[in-house]
Amino acid sequence: MSVRGVSGEEREELARLRDENARLRMEREILRKRGLLREGGRPAIGEA
């Protein structure tokens, strides 16, 4: 992905969003492994 023509501020936001996306994916995987999140992203809390 090229970031030509993107301002410094936009580049910073892109980096921040990529970091946040990686963190959220990691958190979602942890929840899924603990059985607290089903496939599709819905909470598994309250299931029998």
C-alpha atoms as a PDB file:
ATOM      1  CA  MET A   1       0.000   0.000   0.000  1.00  0.00           C
ATOM      2  CA  SER A   2       1.494   3.287  -1.058  1.00  0.00           C
ATOM      3  CA  VAL A   3       1.186   6.360   1.132  1.00  0.00           C
ATOM      4  CA  ARG A   4       2.228   8.858  -1.525  1.00  0.00           C
ATOM      5  CA  GLY A   5       0.355  12.125  -1.408  1.00  0.00           C
ATOM      6  CA  VAL A   6      -0.648  11.502   2.191  1.00  0.00           C
ATOM      7  CA  SER A   7       0.081  14.222   4.712  1.00  0.00           C
ATOM      8  CA  GLY A   8       2.177  13.590   7.809  1.00  0.00           C
ATOM      9  CA  GLU A   9      -0.938  13.828   9.947  1.00  0.00           C
ATOM     10  CA  GLU A  10      -2.722  11.241   7.799  1.00  0.00           C
ATOM     11  CA  ARG A  11       0.347   8.964   7.948  1.00  0.00           C
ATOM     12  CA  GLU A  12       0.309   9.203  11.750  1.00  0.00           C
ATOM     13  CA  GLU A  13      -3.379   8.345  11.832  1.00  0.00           C
ATOM     14  CA  LEU A  14      -2.805   5.368   9.524  1.00  0.00           C
ATOM     15  CA  ALA A  15      -0.049   4.068  11.805  1.00  0.00           C
ATOM     16  CA  ARG A  16      -2.248   4.555  14.880  1.00  0.00           C
ATOM     17  CA  LEU A  17      -5.175   2.758  13.245  1.00  0.00           C
ATOM     18  CA  ARG A  18      -2.960  -0.129  12.141  1.00  0.00           C
ATOM     19  CA  ASP A  19      -1.626  -0.501  15.686  1.00  0.00           C
ATOM     20  CA  GLU A  20      -5.148  -0.384  17.101  1.00  0.00           C
ATOM     21  CA  ASN A  21      -6.342  -2.945  14.554  1.00  0.00           C
ATOM     22  CA  ALA A  22      -3.515  -5.325  15.483  1.00  0.00           C
ATOM     23  CA  ARG A  23      -4.294  -4.915  19.202  1.00  0.00           C
ATOM     24  CA  LEU A  24      -8.006  -5.553  18.671  1.00  0.00           C
ATOM     25  CA  ARG A  25      -7.300  -8.676  16.588  1.00  0.00           C
ATOM     26  CA  MET A  26      -5.033  -9.987  19.337  1.00  0.00           C
ATOM     27  CA  GLU A  27      -7.654  -9.263  22.028  1.00  0.00           C
ATOM     28  CA  ARG A  28     -10.352 -10.952  19.945  1.00  0.00           C
ATOM     29  CA  GLU A  29      -8.177 -14.046  19.493  1.00  0.00           C
ATOM     30  CA  ILE A  30      -7.536 -14.210  23.254  1.00  0.00           C
ATOM     31  CA  LEU A  31     -11.280 -14.012  23.962  1.00  0.00           C
ATOM     32  CA  ARG A  32     -11.997 -16.664  21.347  1.00  0.00           C
ATOM     33  CA  LYS A  33      -9.382 -19.028  22.841  1.00  0.00           C
ATOM     34  CA  ARG A  34     -10.893 -18.540  26.307  1.00  0.00           C
ATOM     35  CA  GLY A  35     -14.319 -19.406  24.940  1.00  0.00           C
ATOM     36  CA  LEU A  36     -15.724 -15.954  25.605  1.00  0.00           C
ATOM     37  CA  LEU A  37     -16.257 -15.084  21.962  1.00  0.00           C
ATOM     38  CA  ARG A  38     -17.905 -17.109  19.240  1.00  0.00           C
ATOM     39  CA  GLU A  39     -16.974 -17.126  15.586  1.00  0.00           C
ATOM     40  CA  GLY A  40     -18.527 -14.032  14.057  1.00  0.00           C
ATOM     41  CA  GLY A  41     -17.565 -11.847  17.001  1.00  0.00           C
ATOM     42  CA  ARG A  42     -20.626 -12.321  19.200  1.00  0.00           C
ATOM     43  CA  PRO A  43     -20.117 -12.835  22.939  1.00  0.00           C
ATOM     44  CA  ALA A  44     -20.518 -16.421  24.119  1.00  0.00           C
ATOM     45  CA  ILE A  45     -21.643 -15.274  27.576  1.00  0.00           C
ATOM     46  CA  GLY A  46     -24.955 -16.714  28.704  1.00  0.00           C
ATOM     47  CA  GLU A  47     -24.759 -19.817  26.531  1.00  0.00           C
ATOM     48  CA  ALA A  48     -25.410 -23.191  28.049  1.00  0.00           C
END
